[in-house]
C-alpha cells in the first residue's frame, strides 16, 4: 500500500483538533485556493465535512483527493463508507474493495459488514 503523507495543514488542522469544524473548513478552502493540487487538504476538508454530516461535500473532497493521489487507500475507504451512509451501496462497496486492493486491510472488515 502506498502511504500517503498526512501533514499539518495551515491552521485548519488546529481548528479541526479544537472541533471548530466550520473554521477548519474555511481554512482548508483558502488553502485549496492557494494550492489546488494538495490532496492532503482536500482529504482533511472531507473529514471535517463528514463530521458535520455534509456527506455530499465529503464525497466531493474524497473524490478530488483520489484524482490527485490515486493510490490513497484511506480516501477510497472513507468515500466508500460515506456512500454507504447515503444508501449508495454499490459505489460504496466498490470503493471499499479498491481500498482493500491498495493494501488497506480494514476495508475488508467493512466489506463483510456492509456489502455481503
PDB file of N, CA and C in Angstrom:
ATOM      1  N   UNK A   1       0.853  -1.182   0.000  1.00  0.00           N
ATOM      2  CA  UNK A   1       0.000   0.000   0.000  1.00  0.00           C
ATOM      3  C   UNK A   1       0.887   1.229   0.000  1.00  0.00           C
ATOM      4  N   UNK A   2       0.561   2.164  -0.829  1.00  0.00           N
ATOM      5  CA  UNK A   2       1.270   3.433  -0.855  1.00  0.00           C
ATOM      6  C   UNK A   2       0.836   4.252   0.353  1.00  0.00           C
ATOM      7  N   UNK A   3       1.779   4.702   1.107  1.00  0.00           N
ATOM      8  CA  UNK A   3       1.463   5.545   2.254  1.00  0.00           C
ATOM      9  C   UNK A   3       1.358   6.988   1.794  1.00  0.00           C
ATOM     10  N   UNK A   4       0.240   7.592   2.041  1.00  0.00           N
ATOM     11  CA  UNK A   4       0.048   8.998   1.728  1.00  0.00           C
ATOM     12  C   UNK A   4       0.478   9.789   2.958  1.00  0.00           C
ATOM     13  N   UNK A   5       1.336  10.737   2.743  1.00  0.00           N
ATOM     14  CA  UNK A   5       1.804  11.546   3.863  1.00  0.00           C
ATOM     15  C   UNK A   5       0.710  12.518   4.283  1.00  0.00           C
ATOM     16  N   UNK A   6       0.335  12.458   5.526  1.00  0.00           N
ATOM     17  CA  UNK A   6      -0.616  13.409   6.080  1.00  0.00           C
ATOM     18  C   UNK A   6       0.191  14.387   6.917  1.00  0.00           C
ATOM     19  N   UNK A   7       0.096  15.635   6.569  1.00  0.00           N
ATOM     20  CA  UNK A   7       0.871  16.652   7.254  1.00  0.00           C
ATOM     21  C   UNK A   7      -0.075  17.694   7.831  1.00  0.00           C
ATOM     22  N   UNK A   8       0.359  18.418   8.839  1.00  0.00           N
ATOM     23  CA  UNK A   8      -0.487  19.503   9.342  1.00  0.00           C
ATOM     24  C   UNK A   8      -0.751  20.508   8.228  1.00  0.00           C
ATOM     25  N   UNK A   9      -1.985  20.934   8.111  1.00  0.00           N
ATOM     26  CA  UNK A   9      -2.372  21.805   7.019  1.00  0.00           C
ATOM     27  C   UNK A   9      -2.828  23.141   7.593  1.00  0.00           C
ATOM     28  N   UNK A  10      -2.041  24.153   7.423  1.00  0.00           N
ATOM     29  CA  UNK A  10      -2.342  25.505   7.886  1.00  0.00           C
ATOM     30  C   UNK A  10      -2.975  25.481   9.269  1.00  0.00           C
ATOM     31  N   UNK A  11      -3.792  26.454   9.538  1.00  0.00           N
ATOM     32  CA  UNK A  11      -4.469  26.493  10.834  1.00  0.00           C
ATOM     33  C   UNK A  11      -5.704  25.597  10.838  1.00  0.00           C
ATOM     34  N   UNK A  12      -6.085  25.090   9.657  1.00  0.00           N
ATOM     35  CA  UNK A  12      -7.235  24.204   9.582  1.00  0.00           C
ATOM     36  C   UNK A  12      -7.071  22.988  10.476  1.00  0.00           C
ATOM     37  N   UNK A  13      -5.859  22.432  10.497  1.00  0.00           N
ATOM     38  CA  UNK A  13      -5.608  21.272  11.349  1.00  0.00           C
ATOM     39  C   UNK A  13      -5.803  21.592  12.818  1.00  0.00           C
ATOM     40  N   UNK A  14      -5.339  22.749  13.240  1.00  0.00           N
ATOM     41  CA  UNK A  14      -5.516  23.149  14.639  1.00  0.00           C
ATOM     42  C   UNK A  14      -6.978  23.377  14.972  1.00  0.00           C
ATOM     43  N   UNK A  15      -7.683  24.028  14.065  1.00  0.00           N
ATOM     44  CA  UNK A  15      -9.111  24.261  14.304  1.00  0.00           C
ATOM     45  C   UNK A  15      -9.878  22.945  14.322  1.00  0.00           C
ATOM     46  N   UNK A  16      -9.487  22.032  13.460  1.00  0.00           N
ATOM     47  CA  UNK A  16     -10.123  20.721  13.453  1.00  0.00           C
ATOM     48  C   UNK A  16      -9.904  20.030  14.796  1.00  0.00           C
ATOM     49  N   UNK A  17      -8.670  20.078  15.296  1.00  0.00           N
ATOM     50  CA  UNK A  17      -8.358  19.467  16.596  1.00  0.00           C
ATOM     51  C   UNK A  17      -9.187  20.086  17.718  1.00  0.00           C
ATOM     52  N   UNK A  18      -9.505  21.361  17.589  1.00  0.00           N
ATOM     53  CA  UNK A  18     -10.295  22.065  18.600  1.00  0.00           C
ATOM     54  C   UNK A  18     -11.801  21.928  18.350  1.00  0.00           C
ATOM     55  N   UNK A  19     -12.175  21.121  17.358  1.00  0.00           N
ATOM     56  CA  UNK A  19     -13.569  20.889  16.986  1.00  0.00           C
ATOM     57  C   UNK A  19     -14.253  22.131  16.407  1.00  0.00           C
ATOM     58  N   UNK A  20     -13.470  23.084  15.932  1.00  0.00           N
ATOM     59  CA  UNK A  20     -14.017  24.216  15.189  1.00  0.00           C
ATOM     60  C   UNK A  20     -14.051  23.797  13.723  1.00  0.00           C
ATOM     61  N   UNK A  21     -15.003  22.922  13.405  1.00  0.00           N
ATOM     62  CA  UNK A  21     -15.027  22.303  12.086  1.00  0.00           C
ATOM     63  C   UNK A  21     -15.347  23.298  10.985  1.00  0.00           C
ATOM     64  N   UNK A  22     -16.249  24.215  11.238  1.00  0.00           N
ATOM     65  CA  UNK A  22     -16.569  25.220  10.209  1.00  0.00           C
ATOM     66  C   UNK A  22     -15.368  26.125   9.953  1.00  0.00           C
ATOM     67  N   UNK A  23     -14.664  26.494  10.999  1.00  0.00           N
ATOM     68  CA  UNK A  23     -13.449  27.286  10.839  1.00  0.00           C
ATOM     69  C   UNK A  23     -12.375  26.506  10.101  1.00  0.00           C
ATOM     70  N   UNK A  24     -12.263  25.217  10.414  1.00  0.00           N
ATOM     71  CA  UNK A  24     -11.287  24.376   9.725  1.00  0.00           C
ATOM     72  C   UNK A  24     -11.613  24.295   8.239  1.00  0.00           C
ATOM     73  N   UNK A  25     -12.894  24.105   7.904  1.00  0.00           N
ATOM     74  CA  UNK A  25     -13.296  24.022   6.504  1.00  0.00           C
ATOM     75  C   UNK A  25     -12.970  25.321   5.779  1.00  0.00           C
ATOM     76  N   UNK A  26     -13.221  26.444   6.421  1.00  0.00           N
ATOM     77  CA  UNK A  26     -12.897  27.735   5.806  1.00  0.00           C
ATOM     78  C   UNK A  26     -11.398  27.849   5.548  1.00  0.00           C
ATOM     79  N   UNK A  27     -10.583  27.417   6.499  1.00  0.00           N
ATOM     80  CA  UNK A  27      -9.129  27.461   6.315  1.00  0.00           C
ATOM     81  C   UNK A  27      -8.678  26.511   5.219  1.00  0.00           C
ATOM     82  N   UNK A  28      -9.242  25.303   5.196  1.00  0.00           N
ATOM     83  CA  UNK A  28      -8.884  24.351   4.146  1.00  0.00           C
ATOM     84  C   UNK A  28      -9.270  24.901   2.772  1.00  0.00           C
ATOM     85  N   UNK A  29     -10.427  25.531   2.691  1.00  0.00           N
ATOM     86  CA  UNK A  29     -10.880  26.090   1.421  1.00  0.00           C
ATOM     87  C   UNK A  29      -9.910  27.169   0.944  1.00  0.00           C
ATOM     88  N   UNK A  30      -9.460  28.003   1.849  1.00  0.00           N
ATOM     89  CA  UNK A  30      -8.482  29.048   1.488  1.00  0.00           C
ATOM     90  C   UNK A  30      -7.170  28.414   1.031  1.00  0.00           C
ATOM     91  N   UNK A  31      -6.750  27.366   1.712  1.00  0.00           N
ATOM     92  CA  UNK A  31      -5.522  26.677   1.324  1.00  0.00           C
ATOM     93  C   UNK A  31      -5.668  26.077  -0.073  1.00  0.00           C
ATOM     94  N   UNK A  32      -6.836  25.515  -0.368  1.00  0.00           N
ATOM     95  CA  UNK A  32      -7.083  24.942  -1.692  1.00  0.00           C
ATOM     96  C   UNK A  32      -7.021  26.016  -2.766  1.00  0.00           C
ATOM     97  N   UNK A  33      -7.508  27.207  -2.447  1.00  0.00           N
ATOM     98  CA  UNK A  33      -7.411  28.309  -3.411  1.00  0.00           C
ATOM     99  C   UNK A  33      -5.951  28.624  -3.738  1.00  0.00           C
ATOM    100  N   UNK A  34      -5.086  28.517  -2.733  1.00  0.00           N
ATOM    101  CA  UNK A  34      -3.667  28.834  -2.906  1.00  0.00           C
ATOM    102  C   UNK A  34      -2.866  27.662  -3.471  1.00  0.00           C
ATOM    103  N   UNK A  35      -3.287  26.444  -3.162  1.00  0.00           N
ATOM    104  CA  UNK A  35      -2.569  25.232  -3.597  1.00  0.00           C
ATOM    105  C   UNK A  35      -3.588  24.178  -4.016  1.00  0.00           C
ATOM    106  N   UNK A  36      -4.183  24.337  -5.201  1.00  0.00           N
ATOM    107  CA  UNK A  36      -5.282  23.460  -5.610  1.00  0.00           C
ATOM    108  C   UNK A  36      -4.884  22.017  -5.903  1.00  0.00           C
ATOM    109  N   UNK A  37      -3.609  21.704  -5.897  1.00  0.00           N
ATOM    110  CA  UNK A  37      -3.171  20.343  -6.171  1.00  0.00           C
ATOM    111  C   UNK A  37      -2.727  19.600  -4.911  1.00  0.00           C
ATOM    112  N   UNK A  38      -3.068  20.093  -3.742  1.00  0.00           N
ATOM    113  CA  UNK A  38      -2.673  19.463  -2.483  1.00  0.00           C
ATOM    114  C   UNK A  38      -3.756  18.478  -2.045  1.00  0.00           C
ATOM    115  N   UNK A  39      -3.538  17.207  -2.329  1.00  0.00           N
ATOM    116  CA  UNK A  39      -4.515  16.167  -1.991  1.00  0.00           C
ATOM    117  C   UNK A  39      -4.795  16.114  -0.495  1.00  0.00           C
ATOM    118  N   UNK A  40      -3.782  16.386   0.328  1.00  0.00           N
ATOM    119  CA  UNK A  40      -3.962  16.318   1.777  1.00  0.00           C
ATOM    120  C   UNK A  40      -5.015  17.304   2.274  1.00  0.00           C
ATOM    121  N   UNK A  41      -5.070  18.463   1.647  1.00  0.00           N
ATOM    122  CA  UNK A  41      -6.030  19.470   2.088  1.00  0.00           C
ATOM    123  C   UNK A  41      -7.450  19.053   1.738  1.00  0.00           C
ATOM    124  N   UNK A  42      -7.649  18.508   0.547  1.00  0.00           N
ATOM    125  CA  UNK A  42      -8.982  18.004   0.194  1.00  0.00           C
ATOM    126  C   UNK A  42      -9.393  16.889   1.145  1.00  0.00           C
ATOM    127  N   UNK A  43      -8.444  15.995   1.451  1.00  0.00           N
ATOM    128  CA  UNK A  43      -8.731  14.894   2.372  1.00  0.00           C
ATOM    129  C   UNK A  43      -9.162  15.433   3.742  1.00  0.00           C
ATOM    130  N   UNK A  44      -8.387  16.367   4.266  1.00  0.00           N
ATOM    131  CA  UNK A  44      -8.689  16.924   5.588  1.00  0.00           C
ATOM    132  C   UNK A  44     -10.040  17.636   5.584  1.00  0.00           C
ATOM    133  N   UNK A  45     -10.330  18.365   4.513  1.00  0.00           N
ATOM    134  CA  UNK A  45     -11.623  19.041   4.436  1.00  0.00           C
ATOM    135  C   UNK A  45     -12.754  18.016   4.345  1.00  0.00           C
ATOM    136  N   UNK A  46     -12.519  16.918   3.642  1.00  0.00           N
ATOM    137  CA  UNK A  46     -13.514  15.850   3.570  1.00  0.00           C
ATOM    138  C   UNK A  46     -13.822  15.269   4.942  1.00  0.00           C
ATOM    139  N   UNK A  47     -12.802  15.079   5.736  1.00  0.00           N
ATOM    140  CA  UNK A  47     -13.001  14.589   7.111  1.00  0.00           C
ATOM    141  C   UNK A  47     -13.886  15.563   7.891  1.00  0.00           C
ATOM    142  N   UNK A  48     -13.544  16.843   7.826  1.00  0.00           N
ATOM    143  CA  UNK A  48     -14.313  17.849   8.574  1.00  0.00           C
ATOM    144  C   UNK A  48     -15.760  17.908   8.082  1.00  0.00           C
ATOM    145  N   UNK A  49     -15.952  17.860   6.772  1.00  0.00           N
ATOM    146  CA  UNK A  49     -17.319  17.884   6.239  1.00  0.00           C
ATOM    147  C   UNK A  49     -18.099  16.656   6.691  1.00  0.00           C
ATOM    148  N   UNK A  50     -17.437  15.521   6.696  1.00  0.00           N
ATOM    149  CA  UNK A  50     -18.100  14.306   7.163  1.00  0.00           C
ATOM    150  C   UNK A  50     -18.551  14.420   8.607  1.00  0.00           C
ATOM    151  N   UNK A  51     -17.712  15.012   9.448  1.00  0.00           N
ATOM    152  CA  UNK A  51     -18.072  15.192  10.854  1.00  0.00           C
ATOM    153  C   UNK A  51     -19.282  16.105  11.016  1.00  0.00           C
ATOM    154  N   UNK A  52     -19.477  17.012  10.042  1.00  0.00           N
ATOM    155  CA  UNK A  52     -20.630  17.911  10.072  1.00  0.00           C
ATOM    156  C   UNK A  52     -21.832  17.343   9.307  1.00  0.00           C
ATOM    157  N   UNK A  53     -21.738  16.076   8.930  1.00  0.00           N
ATOM    158  CA  UNK A  53     -22.811  15.394   8.191  1.00  0.00           C
ATOM    159  C   UNK A  53     -23.042  15.966   6.795  1.00  0.00           C
ATOM    160  N   UNK A  54     -22.057  16.667   6.248  1.00  0.00           N
ATOM    161  CA  UNK A  54     -22.117  17.131   4.864  1.00  0.00           C
ATOM    162  C   UNK A  54     -21.553  16.007   3.996  1.00  0.00           C
ATOM    163  N   UNK A  55     -22.369  14.966   3.824  1.00  0.00           N
ATOM    164  CA  UNK A  55     -21.894  13.762   3.153  1.00  0.00           C
ATOM    165  C   UNK A  55     -21.533  14.002   1.697  1.00  0.00           C
ATOM    166  N   UNK A  56     -22.342  14.759   0.997  1.00  0.00           N
ATOM    167  CA  UNK A  56     -22.048  15.020  -0.415  1.00  0.00           C
ATOM    168  C   UNK A  56     -20.772  15.855  -0.563  1.00  0.00           C
ATOM    169  N   UNK A  57     -20.575  16.798   0.332  1.00  0.00           N
ATOM    170  CA  UNK A  57     -19.337  17.581   0.312  1.00  0.00           C
ATOM    171  C   UNK A  57     -18.126  16.718   0.625  1.00  0.00           C
ATOM    172  N   UNK A  58     -18.286  15.800   1.567  1.00  0.00           N
ATOM    173  CA  UNK A  58     -17.190  14.891   1.908  1.00  0.00           C
ATOM    174  C   UNK A  58     -16.847  14.008   0.712  1.00  0.00           C
ATOM    175  N   UNK A  59     -17.869  13.472   0.035  1.00  0.00           N
ATOM    176  CA  UNK A  59     -17.614  12.641  -1.144  1.00  0.00           C
ATOM    177  C   UNK A  59     -16.866  13.443  -2.205  1.00  0.00           C
ATOM    178  N   UNK A  60     -17.285  14.670  -2.433  1.00  0.00           N
ATOM    179  CA  UNK A  60     -16.612  15.501  -3.436  1.00  0.00           C
ATOM    180  C   UNK A  60     -15.142  15.703  -3.079  1.00  0.00           C
ATOM    181  N   UNK A  61     -14.855  15.940  -1.808  1.00  0.00           N
ATOM    182  CA  UNK A  61     -13.460  16.157  -1.407  1.00  0.00           C
ATOM    183  C   UNK A  61     -12.652  14.870  -1.466  1.00  0.00           C
ATOM    184  N   UNK A  62     -13.234  13.740  -1.080  1.00  0.00           N
ATOM    185  CA  UNK A  62     -12.509  12.472  -1.208  1.00  0.00           C
ATOM    186  C   UNK A  62     -12.268  12.143  -2.678  1.00  0.00           C
ATOM    187  N   UNK A  63     -13.243  12.463  -3.533  1.00  0.00           N
ATOM    188  CA  UNK A  63     -13.076  12.223  -4.964  1.00  0.00           C
ATOM    189  C   UNK A  63     -11.910  13.045  -5.508  1.00  0.00           C
ATOM    190  N   UNK A  64     -11.819  14.292  -5.104  1.00  0.00           N
ATOM    191  CA  UNK A  64     -10.705  15.139  -5.551  1.00  0.00           C
ATOM    192  C   UNK A  64      -9.381  14.609  -5.004  1.00  0.00           C
ATOM    193  N   UNK A  65      -9.387  14.137  -3.772  1.00  0.00           N
ATOM    194  CA  UNK A  65      -8.181  13.534  -3.200  1.00  0.00           C
ATOM    195  C   UNK A  65      -7.719  12.371  -4.072  1.00  0.00           C
ATOM    196  N   UNK A  66      -8.673  11.526  -4.466  1.00  0.00           N
ATOM    197  CA  UNK A  66      -8.352  10.348  -5.272  1.00  0.00           C
ATOM    198  C   UNK A  66      -7.860  10.759  -6.661  1.00  0.00           C
ATOM    199  N   UNK A  67      -8.446  11.800  -7.224  1.00  0.00           N
ATOM    200  CA  UNK A  67      -7.962  12.291  -8.523  1.00  0.00           C
ATOM    201  C   UNK A  67      -6.496  12.721  -8.434  1.00  0.00           C
ATOM    202  N   UNK A  68      -6.149  13.374  -7.336  1.00  0.00           N
ATOM    203  CA  UNK A  68      -4.789  13.888  -7.164  1.00  0.00           C
ATOM    204  C   UNK A  68      -3.819  12.821  -6.661  1.00  0.00           C
ATOM    205  N   UNK A  69      -4.334  11.834  -5.915  1.00  0.00           N
ATOM    206  CA  UNK A  69      -3.496  10.778  -5.334  1.00  0.00           C
ATOM    207  C   UNK A  69      -4.227   9.442  -5.498  1.00  0.00           C
ATOM    208  N   UNK A  70      -4.174   8.855  -6.697  1.00  0.00           N
ATOM    209  CA  UNK A  70      -4.984   7.674  -6.998  1.00  0.00           C
ATOM    210  C   UNK A  70      -4.681   6.440  -6.148  1.00  0.00           C
ATOM    211  N   UNK A  71      -3.575   6.417  -5.437  1.00  0.00           N
ATOM    212  CA  UNK A  71      -3.244   5.283  -4.581  1.00  0.00           C
ATOM    213  C   UNK A  71      -3.611   5.516  -3.122  1.00  0.00           C
ATOM    214  N   UNK A  72      -4.412   6.512  -2.839  1.00  0.00           N
ATOM    215  CA  UNK A  72      -4.779   6.844  -1.465  1.00  0.00           C
ATOM    216  C   UNK A  72      -5.897   5.920  -0.984  1.00  0.00           C
ATOM    217  N   UNK A  73      -5.505   4.807  -0.409  1.00  0.00           N
ATOM    218  CA  UNK A  73      -6.456   3.789   0.038  1.00  0.00           C
ATOM    219  C   UNK A  73      -7.423   4.330   1.084  1.00  0.00           C
ATOM    220  N   UNK A  74      -6.949   5.192   1.958  1.00  0.00           N
ATOM    221  CA  UNK A  74      -7.805   5.697   3.032  1.00  0.00           C
ATOM    222  C   UNK A  74      -8.888   6.609   2.463  1.00  0.00           C
ATOM    223  N   UNK A  75      -8.577   7.374   1.430  1.00  0.00           N
ATOM    224  CA  UNK A  75      -9.600   8.209   0.802  1.00  0.00           C
ATOM    225  C   UNK A  75     -10.677   7.342   0.158  1.00  0.00           C
ATOM    226  N   UNK A  76     -10.267   6.249  -0.502  1.00  0.00           N
ATOM    227  CA  UNK A  76     -11.258   5.317  -1.047  1.00  0.00           C
ATOM    228  C   UNK A  76     -12.114   4.723   0.073  1.00  0.00           C
ATOM    229  N   UNK A  77     -11.481   4.325   1.147  1.00  0.00           N
ATOM    230  CA  UNK A  77     -12.189   3.736   2.292  1.00  0.00           C
ATOM    231  C   UNK A  77     -13.230   4.704   2.849  1.00  0.00           C
ATOM    232  N   UNK A  78     -12.785   5.920   3.117  1.00  0.00           N
ATOM    233  CA  UNK A  78     -13.695   6.905   3.702  1.00  0.00           C
ATOM    234  C   UNK A  78     -14.828   7.247   2.742  1.00  0.00           C
ATOM    235  N   UNK A  79     -14.494   7.421   1.458  1.00  0.00           N
ATOM    236  CA  UNK A  79     -15.544   7.727   0.490  1.00  0.00           C
ATOM    237  C   UNK A  79     -16.552   6.570   0.406  1.00  0.00           C
ATOM    238  N   UNK A  80     -16.051   5.359   0.460  1.00  0.00           N
ATOM    239  CA  UNK A  80     -16.944   4.208   0.433  1.00  0.00           C
ATOM    240  C   UNK A  80     -17.914   4.197   1.601  1.00  0.00           C
ATOM    241  N   UNK A  81     -17.422   4.479   2.789  1.00  0.00           N
ATOM    242  CA  UNK A  81     -18.293   4.494   3.961  1.00  0.00           C
ATOM    243  C   UNK A  81     -19.339   5.600   3.873  1.00  0.00           C
ATOM    244  N   UNK A  82     -18.945   6.760   3.361  1.00  0.00           N
ATOM    245  CA  UNK A  82     -19.907   7.853   3.219  1.00  0.00           C
ATOM    246  C   UNK A  82     -20.965   7.481   2.184  1.00  0.00           C
ATOM    247  N   UNK A  83     -20.556   6.863   1.080  1.00  0.00           N
ATOM    248  CA  UNK A  83     -21.529   6.442   0.076  1.00  0.00           C
ATOM    249  C   UNK A  83     -22.520   5.445   0.657  1.00  0.00           C
ATOM    250  N   UNK A  84     -22.033   4.526   1.460  1.00  0.00           N
ATOM    251  CA  UNK A  84     -22.931   3.554   2.096  1.00  0.00           C
ATOM    252  C   UNK A  84     -23.907   4.268   3.013  1.00  0.00           C
ATOM    253  N   UNK A  85     -23.445   5.278   3.726  1.00  0.00           N
ATOM    254  CA  UNK A  85     -24.327   6.089   4.577  1.00  0.00           C
ATOM    255  C   UNK A  85     -25.446   6.714   3.757  1.00  0.00           C
ATOM    256  N   UNK A  86     -25.153   7.077   2.508  1.00  0.00           N
ATOM    257  CA  UNK A  86     -26.148   7.691   1.614  1.00  0.00           C
ATOM    258  C   UNK A  86     -26.912   6.644   0.799  1.00  0.00           C
ATOM    259  N   UNK A  87     -26.834   5.377   1.215  1.00  0.00           N
ATOM    260  CA  UNK A  87     -27.511   4.272   0.533  1.00  0.00           C
ATOM    261  C   UNK A  87     -27.034   4.072  -0.898  1.00  0.00           C
ATOM    262  N   UNK A  88     -25.789   4.436  -1.157  1.00  0.00           N
ATOM    263  CA  UNK A  88     -25.157   4.163  -2.448  1.00  0.00           C
ATOM    264  C   UNK A  88     -24.250   2.938  -2.275  1.00  0.00           C
ATOM    265  N   UNK A  89     -24.903   1.813  -1.972  1.00  0.00           N
ATOM    266  CA  UNK A  89     -24.175   0.614  -1.567  1.00  0.00           C
ATOM    267  C   UNK A  89     -23.197   0.130  -2.639  1.00  0.00           C
ATOM    268  N   UNK A  90     -23.635   0.066  -3.895  1.00  0.00           N
ATOM    269  CA  UNK A  90     -22.744  -0.446  -4.938  1.00  0.00           C
ATOM    270  C   UNK A  90     -21.473   0.397  -5.047  1.00  0.00           C
ATOM    271  N   UNK A  91     -21.632   1.703  -5.102  1.00  0.00           N
ATOM    272  CA  UNK A  91     -20.469   2.581  -5.195  1.00  0.00           C
ATOM    273  C   UNK A  91     -19.609   2.513  -3.948  1.00  0.00           C
ATOM    274  N   UNK A  92     -20.256   2.439  -2.801  1.00  0.00           N
ATOM    275  CA  UNK A  92     -19.513   2.357  -1.547  1.00  0.00           C
ATOM    276  C   UNK A  92     -18.720   1.061  -1.438  1.00  0.00           C
ATOM    277  N   UNK A  93     -19.336  -0.036  -1.824  1.00  0.00           N
ATOM    278  CA  UNK A  93     -18.640  -1.324  -1.760  1.00  0.00           C
ATOM    279  C   UNK A  93     -17.497  -1.382  -2.770  1.00  0.00           C
ATOM    280  N   UNK A  94     -17.698  -0.772  -3.930  1.00  0.00           N
ATOM    281  CA  UNK A  94     -16.614  -0.692  -4.913  1.00  0.00           C
ATOM    282  C   UNK A  94     -15.422   0.060  -4.317  1.00  0.00           C
ATOM    283  N   UNK A  95     -15.686   1.201  -3.678  1.00  0.00           N
ATOM    284  CA  UNK A  95     -14.598   1.990  -3.084  1.00  0.00           C
ATOM    285  C   UNK A  95     -13.891   1.213  -1.972  1.00  0.00           C
ATOM    286  N   UNK A  96     -14.657   0.509  -1.154  1.00  0.00           N
ATOM    287  CA  UNK A  96     -14.037  -0.301  -0.099  1.00  0.00           C
ATOM    288  C   UNK A  96     -13.156  -1.387  -0.704  1.00  0.00           C
ATOM    289  N   UNK A  97     -13.632  -2.001  -1.776  1.00  0.00           N
ATOM    290  CA  UNK A  97     -12.846  -3.024  -2.455  1.00  0.00           C
ATOM    291  C   UNK A  97     -11.544  -2.439  -2.994  1.00  0.00           C
ATOM    292  N   UNK A  98     -11.633  -1.260  -3.587  1.00  0.00           N
ATOM    293  CA  UNK A  98     -10.438  -0.590  -4.110  1.00  0.00           C
ATOM    294  C   UNK A  98      -9.459  -0.289  -2.976  1.00  0.00           C
ATOM    295  N   UNK A  99      -9.978   0.152  -1.840  1.00  0.00           N
ATOM    296  CA  UNK A  99      -9.114   0.423  -0.686  1.00  0.00           C
ATOM    297  C   UNK A  99      -8.396  -0.854  -0.256  1.00  0.00           C
ATOM    298  N   UNK A 100      -9.119  -1.965  -0.246  1.00  0.00           N
ATOM    299  CA  UNK A 100      -8.503  -3.241   0.096  1.00  0.00           C
ATOM    300  C   UNK A 100      -7.425  -3.632  -0.906  1.00  0.00           C
ATOM    301  N   UNK A 101      -7.715  -3.456  -2.192  1.00  0.00           N
ATOM    302  CA  UNK A 101      -6.734  -3.765  -3.241  1.00  0.00           C
ATOM    303  C   UNK A 101      -5.471  -2.926  -3.077  1.00  0.00           C
ATOM    304  N   UNK A 102      -5.633  -1.717  -2.582  1.00  0.00           N
ATOM    305  CA  UNK A 102      -4.486  -0.831  -2.381  1.00  0.00           C
ATOM    306  C   UNK A 102      -3.739  -1.141  -1.080  1.00  0.00           C
ATOM    307  N   UNK A 103      -4.226  -2.136  -0.331  1.00  0.00           N
ATOM    308  CA  UNK A 103      -3.496  -2.600   0.845  1.00  0.00           C
ATOM    309  C   UNK A 103      -4.083  -2.235   2.191  1.00  0.00           C
ATOM    310  N   UNK A 104      -5.258  -1.632   2.217  1.00  0.00           N
ATOM    311  CA  UNK A 104      -5.868  -1.256   3.490  1.00  0.00           C
ATOM    312  C   UNK A 104      -6.722  -2.429   3.987  1.00  0.00           C
ATOM    313  N   UNK A 105      -6.146  -3.234   4.849  1.00  0.00           N
ATOM    314  CA  UNK A 105      -6.797  -4.449   5.318  1.00  0.00           C
ATOM    315  C   UNK A 105      -8.133  -4.242   5.998  1.00  0.00           C
ATOM    316  N   UNK A 106      -8.292  -3.155   6.740  1.00  0.00           N
ATOM    317  CA  UNK A 106      -9.552  -2.942   7.459  1.00  0.00           C
ATOM    318  C   UNK A 106     -10.723  -2.716   6.512  1.00  0.00           C
ATOM    319  N   UNK A 107     -10.435  -2.423   5.249  1.00  0.00           N
ATOM    320  CA  UNK A 107     -11.513  -2.260   4.268  1.00  0.00           C
ATOM    321  C   UNK A 107     -12.292  -3.563   4.116  1.00  0.00           C
ATOM    322  N   UNK A 108     -11.608  -4.695   4.235  1.00  0.00           N
ATOM    323  CA  UNK A 108     -12.289  -5.978   4.093  1.00  0.00           C
ATOM    324  C   UNK A 108     -13.256  -6.240   5.245  1.00  0.00           C
ATOM    325  N   UNK A 109     -12.929  -5.735   6.426  1.00  0.00           N
ATOM    326  CA  UNK A 109     -13.872  -5.838   7.549  1.00  0.00           C
ATOM    327  C   UNK A 109     -15.151  -5.066   7.238  1.00  0.00           C
ATOM    328  N   UNK A 110     -14.993  -3.890   6.645  1.00  0.00           N
ATOM    329  CA  UNK A 110     -16.164  -3.080   6.288  1.00  0.00           C
ATOM    330  C   UNK A 110     -16.962  -3.737   5.162  1.00  0.00           C
ATOM    331  N   UNK A 111     -16.278  -4.376   4.225  1.00  0.00           N
ATOM    332  CA  UNK A 111     -16.971  -5.094   3.154  1.00  0.00           C
ATOM    333  C   UNK A 111     -17.819  -6.214   3.748  1.00  0.00           C
ATOM    334  N   UNK A 112     -17.250  -6.972   4.680  1.00  0.00           N
ATOM    335  CA  UNK A 112     -18.024  -8.042   5.331  1.00  0.00           C
ATOM    336  C   UNK A 112     -19.228  -7.472   6.080  1.00  0.00           C
ATOM    337  N   UNK A 113     -19.042  -6.333   6.670  1.00  0.00           N
ATOM    338  CA  UNK A 113     -20.113  -5.739   7.466  1.00  0.00           C
ATOM    339  C   UNK A 113     -21.229  -5.140   6.597  1.00  0.00           C
ATOM    340  N   UNK A 114     -20.882  -4.469   5.509  1.00  0.00           N
ATOM    341  CA  UNK A 114     -21.867  -3.700   4.755  1.00  0.00           C
ATOM    342  C   UNK A 114     -22.201  -4.240   3.363  1.00  0.00           C
ATOM    343  N   UNK A 115     -21.358  -5.091   2.817  1.00  0.00           N
ATOM    344  CA  UNK A 115     -21.512  -5.426   1.389  1.00  0.00           C
ATOM    345  C   UNK A 115     -21.942  -6.865   1.118  1.00  0.00           C
ATOM    346  N   UNK A 116     -21.984  -7.695   2.088  1.00  0.00           N
ATOM    347  CA  UNK A 116     -22.366  -9.104   1.855  1.00  0.00           C
ATOM    348  C   UNK A 116     -23.785  -9.375   2.261  1.00  0.00           C
TER     349      UNK A 116
END
